[in-house]
Amino acid sequence: MAAAGFFIYLFEGGHALYNDAPYKAQADAVLVSVDKYEKEQEVLDNYYKELPPAEREKHTKVEKYTLYVLDWEYELNGKTYHIEESDRYLSGYAVGDKKTFKVYSYDGIEYRKAAENGLTDVMLGLCRITFALLAVFIVGIVIARIKYMKSRGRRSSGGE
């Protein structure tokens, strides 16, 4: 888990960019448009993946869903910016709704949306805890080994 978290940390650019950016801000955005797209996705259970292609088609289901694309607009320093979100679970928003975003900029002119807190941050926290516990465990083993060697040395040099 620690190694996986470390690689996620290395490849997670948005989180690191926001933390390192000199210009950070909160932006109050207003939803200006909601677009809906009907999509289809083929779903196949892992159990059937080993079957020949003709048999696999019999067990493939087509899942239909609606993809929502939201266009948020906010203003910072007299300039208007847009943030686009898309997901199938964004159906609860209507035009005119407001939402606060964290944004960052390196030059103080062009702002971008910061990475969302989510599963990656939880995994990074767990991995940091794992690394700390691993370090404590290794230090404990080294101390126990040193104590063992000292006690063994005293016994053998006692003249028994």
N, C-alpha and C. Protein backbone atom coordinates (compact mmCIF):
# COMPACT_ATOMS: atom_id res chain seq x y z
N MET A 1 0.84 -1.18 0.00
CA MET A 1 0.00 0.00 0.00
C MET A 1 0.89 1.25 0.00
N ALA A 2 2.00 1.18 0.75
CA ALA A 2 2.90 2.33 0.82
C ALA A 2 3.51 2.63 -0.54
N ALA A 3 3.94 1.60 -1.25
CA ALA A 3 4.54 1.81 -2.56
C ALA A 3 3.52 2.38 -3.54
N ALA A 4 2.30 1.86 -3.50
CA ALA A 4 1.25 2.36 -4.40
C ALA A 4 0.97 3.84 -4.10
N GLY A 5 0.90 4.18 -2.83
CA GLY A 5 0.67 5.57 -2.45
C GLY A 5 1.80 6.48 -2.88
N PHE A 6 3.03 5.98 -2.80
CA PHE A 6 4.17 6.77 -3.22
C PHE A 6 4.10 7.06 -4.71
N PHE A 7 3.75 6.06 -5.53
CA PHE A 7 3.63 6.29 -6.96
C PHE A 7 2.48 7.21 -7.30
N ILE A 8 1.37 7.08 -6.57
CA ILE A 8 0.25 8.00 -6.78
C ILE A 8 0.71 9.42 -6.45
N TYR A 9 1.47 9.56 -5.37
CA TYR A 9 1.98 10.87 -4.97
C TYR A 9 2.88 11.45 -6.06
N LEU A 10 3.73 10.62 -6.67
CA LEU A 10 4.62 11.10 -7.72
C LEU A 10 3.86 11.54 -8.96
N PHE A 11 2.83 10.80 -9.33
CA PHE A 11 2.12 11.09 -10.57
C PHE A 11 0.93 12.03 -10.38
N GLU A 12 0.58 12.35 -9.17
CA GLU A 12 -0.55 13.24 -8.89
C GLU A 12 -0.06 14.67 -9.07
N GLY A 13 -0.24 15.23 -10.25
CA GLY A 13 0.29 16.55 -10.52
C GLY A 13 -0.54 17.68 -9.95
N GLY A 14 -1.85 17.60 -10.03
CA GLY A 14 -2.72 18.70 -9.63
C GLY A 14 -2.59 19.03 -8.16
N HIS A 15 -2.51 18.01 -7.31
CA HIS A 15 -2.40 18.23 -5.88
C HIS A 15 -1.09 18.96 -5.56
N ALA A 16 -0.01 18.50 -6.16
CA ALA A 16 1.29 19.11 -5.91
C ALA A 16 1.34 20.52 -6.50
N LEU A 17 0.74 20.72 -7.67
CA LEU A 17 0.75 22.04 -8.29
C LEU A 17 0.06 23.05 -7.41
N TYR A 18 -1.08 22.69 -6.86
CA TYR A 18 -1.82 23.63 -6.02
C TYR A 18 -1.04 23.97 -4.76
N ASN A 19 -0.43 22.97 -4.14
CA ASN A 19 0.31 23.22 -2.91
C ASN A 19 1.56 24.07 -3.14
N ASP A 20 2.17 23.97 -4.32
CA ASP A 20 3.39 24.70 -4.61
C ASP A 20 3.16 26.06 -5.26
N ALA A 21 1.94 26.33 -5.72
CA ALA A 21 1.67 27.57 -6.46
C ALA A 21 1.74 28.78 -5.53
N PRO A 22 2.35 29.88 -6.00
CA PRO A 22 2.44 31.06 -5.15
C PRO A 22 1.11 31.82 -5.04
N TYR A 23 0.23 31.70 -6.02
CA TYR A 23 -1.04 32.42 -6.00
C TYR A 23 -2.18 31.43 -5.85
N LYS A 24 -2.82 31.46 -4.68
CA LYS A 24 -3.96 30.59 -4.42
C LYS A 24 -5.15 31.46 -4.08
N ALA A 25 -6.34 30.98 -4.42
CA ALA A 25 -7.54 31.76 -4.13
C ALA A 25 -8.75 30.86 -4.04
N GLN A 26 -9.79 31.40 -3.46
CA GLN A 26 -11.11 30.76 -3.47
C GLN A 26 -11.94 31.52 -4.49
N ALA A 27 -12.61 30.81 -5.37
CA ALA A 27 -13.43 31.45 -6.38
C ALA A 27 -14.88 31.02 -6.20
N ASP A 28 -15.76 32.01 -6.11
CA ASP A 28 -17.19 31.73 -6.05
C ASP A 28 -17.71 31.72 -7.47
N ALA A 29 -18.07 30.54 -7.96
CA ALA A 29 -18.49 30.38 -9.35
C ALA A 29 -20.00 30.23 -9.44
N VAL A 30 -20.53 30.63 -10.60
CA VAL A 30 -21.95 30.51 -10.89
C VAL A 30 -22.10 29.57 -12.08
N LEU A 31 -23.05 28.66 -11.99
CA LEU A 31 -23.29 27.71 -13.08
C LEU A 31 -24.01 28.43 -14.21
N VAL A 32 -23.40 28.42 -15.41
CA VAL A 32 -23.99 29.12 -16.55
C VAL A 32 -24.66 28.18 -17.55
N SER A 33 -24.24 26.91 -17.58
CA SER A 33 -24.92 25.98 -18.50
C SER A 33 -24.78 24.54 -18.02
N VAL A 34 -25.81 23.75 -18.31
CA VAL A 34 -25.82 22.32 -18.01
C VAL A 34 -26.17 21.61 -19.31
N ASP A 35 -25.28 20.77 -19.78
CA ASP A 35 -25.54 19.98 -20.98
C ASP A 35 -25.67 18.52 -20.60
N LYS A 36 -26.62 17.82 -21.24
CA LYS A 36 -26.83 16.40 -20.99
C LYS A 36 -26.55 15.62 -22.26
N TYR A 37 -25.84 14.52 -22.11
CA TYR A 37 -25.53 13.65 -23.23
C TYR A 37 -25.90 12.23 -22.85
N GLU A 38 -26.66 11.59 -23.71
CA GLU A 38 -27.02 10.19 -23.48
C GLU A 38 -25.87 9.32 -23.97
N LYS A 39 -25.38 8.47 -23.12
CA LYS A 39 -24.23 7.62 -23.44
C LYS A 39 -24.60 6.16 -23.24
N GLU A 40 -23.84 5.30 -23.88
CA GLU A 40 -23.97 3.85 -23.71
C GLU A 40 -22.60 3.27 -23.43
N GLN A 41 -22.58 2.28 -22.57
CA GLN A 41 -21.32 1.63 -22.21
C GLN A 41 -21.56 0.13 -22.13
N GLU A 42 -20.67 -0.63 -22.76
CA GLU A 42 -20.78 -2.09 -22.67
C GLU A 42 -20.16 -2.57 -21.37
N VAL A 43 -20.90 -3.42 -20.68
CA VAL A 43 -20.44 -3.95 -19.40
C VAL A 43 -20.37 -5.46 -19.51
N LEU A 44 -19.23 -6.02 -19.12
CA LEU A 44 -19.04 -7.47 -19.17
C LEU A 44 -18.49 -7.92 -17.82
N ASP A 45 -19.14 -8.88 -17.24
CA ASP A 45 -18.70 -9.41 -15.96
C ASP A 45 -17.35 -10.13 -16.16
N ASN A 46 -16.45 -10.01 -15.20
CA ASN A 46 -15.12 -10.63 -15.29
C ASN A 46 -15.20 -12.14 -15.49
N TYR A 47 -16.27 -12.74 -15.01
CA TYR A 47 -16.44 -14.18 -15.13
C TYR A 47 -16.49 -14.62 -16.58
N TYR A 48 -17.02 -13.79 -17.47
CA TYR A 48 -17.21 -14.15 -18.87
C TYR A 48 -16.07 -13.70 -19.79
N LYS A 49 -15.07 -13.03 -19.27
CA LYS A 49 -14.00 -12.50 -20.13
C LYS A 49 -13.17 -13.58 -20.80
N GLU A 50 -13.12 -14.78 -20.25
CA GLU A 50 -12.31 -15.85 -20.81
C GLU A 50 -13.02 -16.60 -21.94
N LEU A 51 -14.29 -16.31 -22.15
CA LEU A 51 -15.05 -17.01 -23.20
C LEU A 51 -14.62 -16.55 -24.58
N PRO A 52 -14.89 -17.34 -25.60
CA PRO A 52 -14.62 -16.91 -26.97
C PRO A 52 -15.47 -15.68 -27.32
N PRO A 53 -15.03 -14.88 -28.29
CA PRO A 53 -15.74 -13.63 -28.62
C PRO A 53 -17.24 -13.80 -28.89
N ALA A 54 -17.62 -14.86 -29.58
CA ALA A 54 -19.05 -15.06 -29.89
C ALA A 54 -19.86 -15.27 -28.61
N GLU A 55 -19.32 -16.04 -27.68
CA GLU A 55 -20.02 -16.29 -26.41
C GLU A 55 -20.01 -15.04 -25.52
N ARG A 56 -18.91 -14.30 -25.60
CA ARG A 56 -18.78 -13.10 -24.79
C ARG A 56 -19.87 -12.08 -25.14
N GLU A 57 -20.18 -11.96 -26.43
CA GLU A 57 -21.20 -11.00 -26.87
C GLU A 57 -22.56 -11.31 -26.27
N LYS A 58 -22.87 -12.58 -26.03
CA LYS A 58 -24.15 -12.95 -25.44
C LYS A 58 -24.28 -12.43 -24.00
N HIS A 59 -23.17 -12.35 -23.29
CA HIS A 59 -23.19 -11.96 -21.89
C HIS A 59 -22.89 -10.48 -21.67
N THR A 60 -22.62 -9.75 -22.76
CA THR A 60 -22.32 -8.33 -22.64
C THR A 60 -23.62 -7.55 -22.54
N LYS A 61 -23.69 -6.67 -21.55
CA LYS A 61 -24.87 -5.82 -21.36
C LYS A 61 -24.51 -4.40 -21.76
N VAL A 62 -25.48 -3.68 -22.30
CA VAL A 62 -25.29 -2.28 -22.65
C VAL A 62 -25.95 -1.44 -21.57
N GLU A 63 -25.15 -0.65 -20.90
CA GLU A 63 -25.66 0.21 -19.84
C GLU A 63 -25.83 1.62 -20.40
N LYS A 64 -27.03 2.19 -20.24
CA LYS A 64 -27.29 3.55 -20.72
C LYS A 64 -27.27 4.49 -19.53
N TYR A 65 -26.65 5.64 -19.73
CA TYR A 65 -26.58 6.64 -18.66
C TYR A 65 -26.53 8.03 -19.28
N THR A 66 -26.75 9.04 -18.44
CA THR A 66 -26.70 10.42 -18.87
C THR A 66 -25.43 11.06 -18.31
N LEU A 67 -24.67 11.68 -19.19
CA LEU A 67 -23.46 12.40 -18.79
C LEU A 67 -23.81 13.88 -18.70
N TYR A 68 -23.53 14.48 -17.56
CA TYR A 68 -23.80 15.90 -17.34
C TYR A 68 -22.50 16.68 -17.47
N VAL A 69 -22.53 17.74 -18.25
CA VAL A 69 -21.37 18.62 -18.41
C VAL A 69 -21.79 20.00 -17.90
N LEU A 70 -21.11 20.46 -16.83
CA LEU A 70 -21.44 21.72 -16.19
C LEU A 70 -20.36 22.76 -16.52
N ASP A 71 -20.81 23.96 -16.86
CA ASP A 71 -19.89 25.05 -17.14
C ASP A 71 -20.07 26.11 -16.05
N TRP A 72 -19.04 26.24 -15.20
CA TRP A 72 -19.04 27.21 -14.11
C TRP A 72 -18.25 28.43 -14.54
N GLU A 73 -18.72 29.62 -14.12
CA GLU A 73 -18.04 30.86 -14.47
C GLU A 73 -17.72 31.63 -13.19
N TYR A 74 -16.48 32.12 -13.09
CA TYR A 74 -16.10 32.93 -11.94
C TYR A 74 -15.20 34.07 -12.40
N GLU A 75 -15.11 35.08 -11.56
CA GLU A 75 -14.31 36.25 -11.89
C GLU A 75 -13.27 36.49 -10.79
N LEU A 76 -12.03 36.68 -11.21
CA LEU A 76 -10.93 37.02 -10.30
C LEU A 76 -10.11 38.12 -10.94
N ASN A 77 -9.81 39.15 -10.18
CA ASN A 77 -8.98 40.26 -10.65
C ASN A 77 -9.50 40.87 -11.95
N GLY A 78 -10.82 40.94 -12.10
CA GLY A 78 -11.41 41.56 -13.27
C GLY A 78 -11.45 40.69 -14.52
N LYS A 79 -11.02 39.46 -14.42
CA LYS A 79 -11.03 38.57 -15.58
C LYS A 79 -11.97 37.40 -15.32
N THR A 80 -12.71 36.98 -16.34
CA THR A 80 -13.67 35.88 -16.21
C THR A 80 -13.02 34.57 -16.64
N TYR A 81 -13.23 33.53 -15.82
CA TYR A 81 -12.70 32.20 -16.09
C TYR A 81 -13.84 31.19 -16.11
N HIS A 82 -13.59 30.06 -16.75
CA HIS A 82 -14.57 28.98 -16.80
C HIS A 82 -13.96 27.69 -16.27
N ILE A 83 -14.78 26.92 -15.56
CA ILE A 83 -14.40 25.59 -15.10
C ILE A 83 -15.45 24.64 -15.63
N GLU A 84 -15.00 23.58 -16.27
CA GLU A 84 -15.94 22.59 -16.81
C GLU A 84 -15.82 21.30 -16.00
N GLU A 85 -16.96 20.79 -15.56
CA GLU A 85 -17.01 19.52 -14.85
C GLU A 85 -17.90 18.57 -15.65
N SER A 86 -17.54 17.31 -15.67
CA SER A 86 -18.40 16.33 -16.33
C SER A 86 -18.41 15.03 -15.54
N ASP A 87 -19.59 14.52 -15.33
CA ASP A 87 -19.75 13.26 -14.62
C ASP A 87 -21.20 12.83 -14.78
N ARG A 88 -21.44 11.56 -14.53
CA ARG A 88 -22.81 11.08 -14.64
C ARG A 88 -23.62 11.33 -13.38
N TYR A 89 -22.99 11.80 -12.31
CA TYR A 89 -23.68 12.00 -11.04
C TYR A 89 -23.88 13.48 -10.69
N LEU A 90 -23.83 14.37 -11.66
CA LEU A 90 -23.98 15.80 -11.41
C LEU A 90 -25.38 16.31 -11.75
N SER A 91 -26.39 15.50 -11.57
CA SER A 91 -27.74 15.87 -12.00
C SER A 91 -28.42 16.86 -11.05
N GLY A 92 -27.89 17.10 -9.87
CA GLY A 92 -28.57 17.93 -8.89
C GLY A 92 -28.35 19.42 -9.06
N TYR A 93 -27.69 19.85 -10.10
CA TYR A 93 -27.38 21.27 -10.29
C TYR A 93 -28.28 21.89 -11.34
N ALA A 94 -28.59 23.18 -11.14
CA ALA A 94 -29.39 23.94 -12.10
C ALA A 94 -28.65 25.24 -12.41
N VAL A 95 -28.94 25.83 -13.57
CA VAL A 95 -28.31 27.08 -13.97
C VAL A 95 -28.58 28.13 -12.90
N GLY A 96 -27.53 28.84 -12.51
CA GLY A 96 -27.65 29.87 -11.48
C GLY A 96 -27.15 29.42 -10.11
N ASP A 97 -26.92 28.11 -9.93
CA ASP A 97 -26.38 27.61 -8.66
C ASP A 97 -24.97 28.15 -8.46
N LYS A 98 -24.57 28.25 -7.19
CA LYS A 98 -23.24 28.77 -6.87
C LYS A 98 -22.43 27.70 -6.17
N LYS A 99 -21.12 27.75 -6.40
CA LYS A 99 -20.21 26.79 -5.79
C LYS A 99 -18.85 27.45 -5.63
N THR A 100 -18.12 27.10 -4.58
CA THR A 100 -16.80 27.66 -4.33
C THR A 100 -15.73 26.65 -4.75
N PHE A 101 -14.77 27.12 -5.53
CA PHE A 101 -13.67 26.29 -5.99
C PHE A 101 -12.36 26.84 -5.45
N LYS A 102 -11.38 25.96 -5.26
CA LYS A 102 -10.01 26.38 -4.98
C LYS A 102 -9.31 26.49 -6.33
N VAL A 103 -8.65 27.61 -6.55
CA VAL A 103 -7.94 27.82 -7.81
C VAL A 103 -6.50 28.23 -7.51
N TYR A 104 -5.61 28.04 -8.48
CA TYR A 104 -4.21 28.39 -8.30
C TYR A 104 -3.67 29.03 -9.58
N SER A 105 -2.57 29.75 -9.43
CA SER A 105 -1.92 30.39 -10.56
C SER A 105 -0.45 30.54 -10.24
N TYR A 106 0.41 30.43 -11.24
CA TYR A 106 1.83 30.66 -11.04
C TYR A 106 2.23 32.09 -11.33
N ASP A 107 1.46 32.75 -12.20
CA ASP A 107 1.83 34.12 -12.57
C ASP A 107 0.87 35.17 -12.01
N GLY A 108 -0.19 34.76 -11.34
CA GLY A 108 -1.17 35.70 -10.80
C GLY A 108 -2.13 36.23 -11.84
N ILE A 109 -2.05 35.71 -13.05
CA ILE A 109 -2.91 36.19 -14.14
C ILE A 109 -3.88 35.09 -14.59
N GLU A 110 -3.34 33.93 -14.92
CA GLU A 110 -4.15 32.81 -15.41
C GLU A 110 -4.39 31.82 -14.29
N TYR A 111 -5.65 31.62 -13.90
CA TYR A 111 -6.00 30.73 -12.79
C TYR A 111 -6.57 29.42 -13.32
N ARG A 112 -6.31 28.34 -12.56
CA ARG A 112 -6.84 27.01 -12.90
C ARG A 112 -7.42 26.38 -11.66
N LYS A 113 -8.31 25.44 -11.87
CA LYS A 113 -8.95 24.74 -10.76
C LYS A 113 -7.95 23.80 -10.10
N ALA A 114 -7.93 23.82 -8.77
CA ALA A 114 -7.05 22.93 -8.02
C ALA A 114 -7.65 21.53 -7.98
N ALA A 115 -6.83 20.56 -7.69
CA ALA A 115 -7.30 19.18 -7.59
C ALA A 115 -8.28 19.06 -6.43
N GLU A 116 -9.28 18.21 -6.61
CA GLU A 116 -10.28 17.97 -5.57
C GLU A 116 -9.70 17.06 -4.50
N ASN A 117 -10.10 17.29 -3.27
CA ASN A 117 -9.75 16.35 -2.21
C ASN A 117 -10.59 15.10 -2.42
N GLY A 118 -9.99 13.97 -2.32
CA GLY A 118 -10.73 12.75 -2.55
C GLY A 118 -9.95 11.53 -2.13
N LEU A 119 -10.16 10.47 -2.86
CA LEU A 119 -9.53 9.19 -2.54
C LEU A 119 -8.01 9.28 -2.56
N THR A 120 -7.47 10.06 -3.47
CA THR A 120 -6.02 10.18 -3.55
C THR A 120 -5.45 10.78 -2.28
N ASP A 121 -6.10 11.81 -1.74
CA ASP A 121 -5.61 12.41 -0.50
C ASP A 121 -5.71 11.44 0.66
N VAL A 122 -6.77 10.65 0.70
CA VAL A 122 -6.91 9.64 1.76
C VAL A 122 -5.80 8.61 1.64
N MET A 123 -5.54 8.14 0.42
CA MET A 123 -4.47 7.16 0.22
C MET A 123 -3.11 7.75 0.58
N LEU A 124 -2.88 9.01 0.23
CA LEU A 124 -1.61 9.64 0.59
C LEU A 124 -1.45 9.72 2.11
N GLY A 125 -2.51 10.05 2.81
CA GLY A 125 -2.46 10.09 4.27
C GLY A 125 -2.17 8.72 4.86
N LEU A 126 -2.84 7.70 4.34
CA LEU A 126 -2.59 6.34 4.82
C LEU A 126 -1.16 5.90 4.55
N CYS A 127 -0.64 6.28 3.40
CA CYS A 127 0.73 5.89 3.07
C CYS A 127 1.74 6.60 3.96
N ARG A 128 1.48 7.86 4.28
CA ARG A 128 2.38 8.57 5.19
C ARG A 128 2.37 7.92 6.57
N ILE A 129 1.20 7.52 7.02
CA ILE A 129 1.10 6.83 8.31
C ILE A 129 1.85 5.50 8.24
N THR A 130 1.69 4.78 7.13
CA THR A 130 2.38 3.50 6.95
C THR A 130 3.89 3.69 6.98
N PHE A 131 4.40 4.71 6.29
CA PHE A 131 5.84 4.97 6.30
C PHE A 131 6.32 5.28 7.71
N ALA A 132 5.56 6.08 8.44
CA ALA A 132 5.95 6.42 9.81
C ALA A 132 5.98 5.17 10.70
N LEU A 133 4.96 4.33 10.59
CA LEU A 133 4.92 3.10 11.39
C LEU A 133 6.05 2.15 11.00
N LEU A 134 6.34 2.09 9.71
CA LEU A 134 7.44 1.25 9.25
C LEU A 134 8.77 1.74 9.82
N ALA A 135 8.97 3.04 9.84
CA ALA A 135 10.20 3.60 10.41
C ALA A 135 10.30 3.28 11.90
N VAL A 136 9.20 3.43 12.63
CA VAL A 136 9.20 3.11 14.06
C VAL A 136 9.49 1.63 14.26
N PHE A 137 8.92 0.77 13.44
CA PHE A 137 9.14 -0.67 13.53
C PHE A 137 10.60 -1.01 13.29
N ILE A 138 11.21 -0.42 12.28
CA ILE A 138 12.62 -0.71 11.97
C ILE A 138 13.52 -0.21 13.09
N VAL A 139 13.25 0.99 13.61
CA VAL A 139 14.05 1.51 14.72
C VAL A 139 13.91 0.59 15.93
N GLY A 140 12.70 0.11 16.21
CA GLY A 140 12.48 -0.82 17.32
C GLY A 140 13.26 -2.11 17.16
N ILE A 141 13.30 -2.63 15.94
CA ILE A 141 14.06 -3.86 15.68
C ILE A 141 15.55 -3.62 15.91
N VAL A 142 16.06 -2.49 15.43
CA VAL A 142 17.49 -2.18 15.61
C VAL A 142 17.82 -2.05 17.09
N ILE A 143 16.99 -1.33 17.85
CA ILE A 143 17.24 -1.16 19.29
C ILE A 143 17.18 -2.52 20.00
N ALA A 144 16.19 -3.35 19.66
CA ALA A 144 16.09 -4.67 20.28
C ALA A 144 17.31 -5.52 19.94
N ARG A 145 17.79 -5.44 18.75
CA ARG A 145 18.97 -6.21 18.34
C ARG A 145 20.21 -5.74 19.10
N ILE A 146 20.35 -4.43 19.26
CA ILE A 146 21.50 -3.89 20.00
C ILE A 146 21.44 -4.35 21.45
N LYS A 147 20.27 -4.27 22.06
CA LYS A 147 20.12 -4.72 23.45
C LYS A 147 20.42 -6.21 23.59
N TYR A 148 19.96 -6.99 22.63
CA TYR A 148 20.21 -8.43 22.64
C TYR A 148 21.71 -8.71 22.55
N MET A 149 22.39 -8.01 21.66
CA MET A 149 23.82 -8.24 21.49
C MET A 149 24.59 -7.83 22.75
N LYS A 150 24.19 -6.72 23.39
CA LYS A 150 24.86 -6.30 24.62
C LYS A 150 24.64 -7.31 25.74
N SER A 151 23.42 -7.79 25.89
CA SER A 151 23.14 -8.77 26.96
C SER A 151 23.84 -10.09 26.68
N ARG A 152 23.96 -10.48 25.46
CA ARG A 152 24.65 -11.71 25.11
C ARG A 152 26.15 -11.56 25.35
N GLY A 153 26.67 -10.38 25.09
CA GLY A 153 28.09 -10.12 25.33
C GLY A 153 28.42 -10.14 26.81
N ARG A 154 27.55 -9.63 27.66
CA ARG A 154 27.79 -9.64 29.11
C ARG A 154 27.81 -11.06 29.64
N ARG A 155 26.89 -11.90 29.16
CA ARG A 155 26.81 -13.28 29.64
C ARG A 155 28.07 -14.05 29.27
N SER A 156 28.55 -13.88 28.05
CA SER A 156 29.70 -14.68 27.62
C SER A 156 31.00 -14.18 28.25
N SER A 157 31.07 -12.91 28.63
CA SER A 157 32.29 -12.41 29.22
C SER A 157 32.30 -12.55 30.74
N GLY A 158 31.22 -13.10 31.33
CA GLY A 158 31.11 -13.25 32.77
C GLY A 158 31.94 -14.39 33.31
N GLY A 159 32.55 -15.20 32.53
CA GLY A 159 33.40 -16.28 32.99
C GLY A 159 32.66 -17.56 33.27
N GLU A 160 31.53 -17.76 32.70
CA GLU A 160 30.76 -19.00 32.97
C GLU A 160 31.31 -20.15 32.20
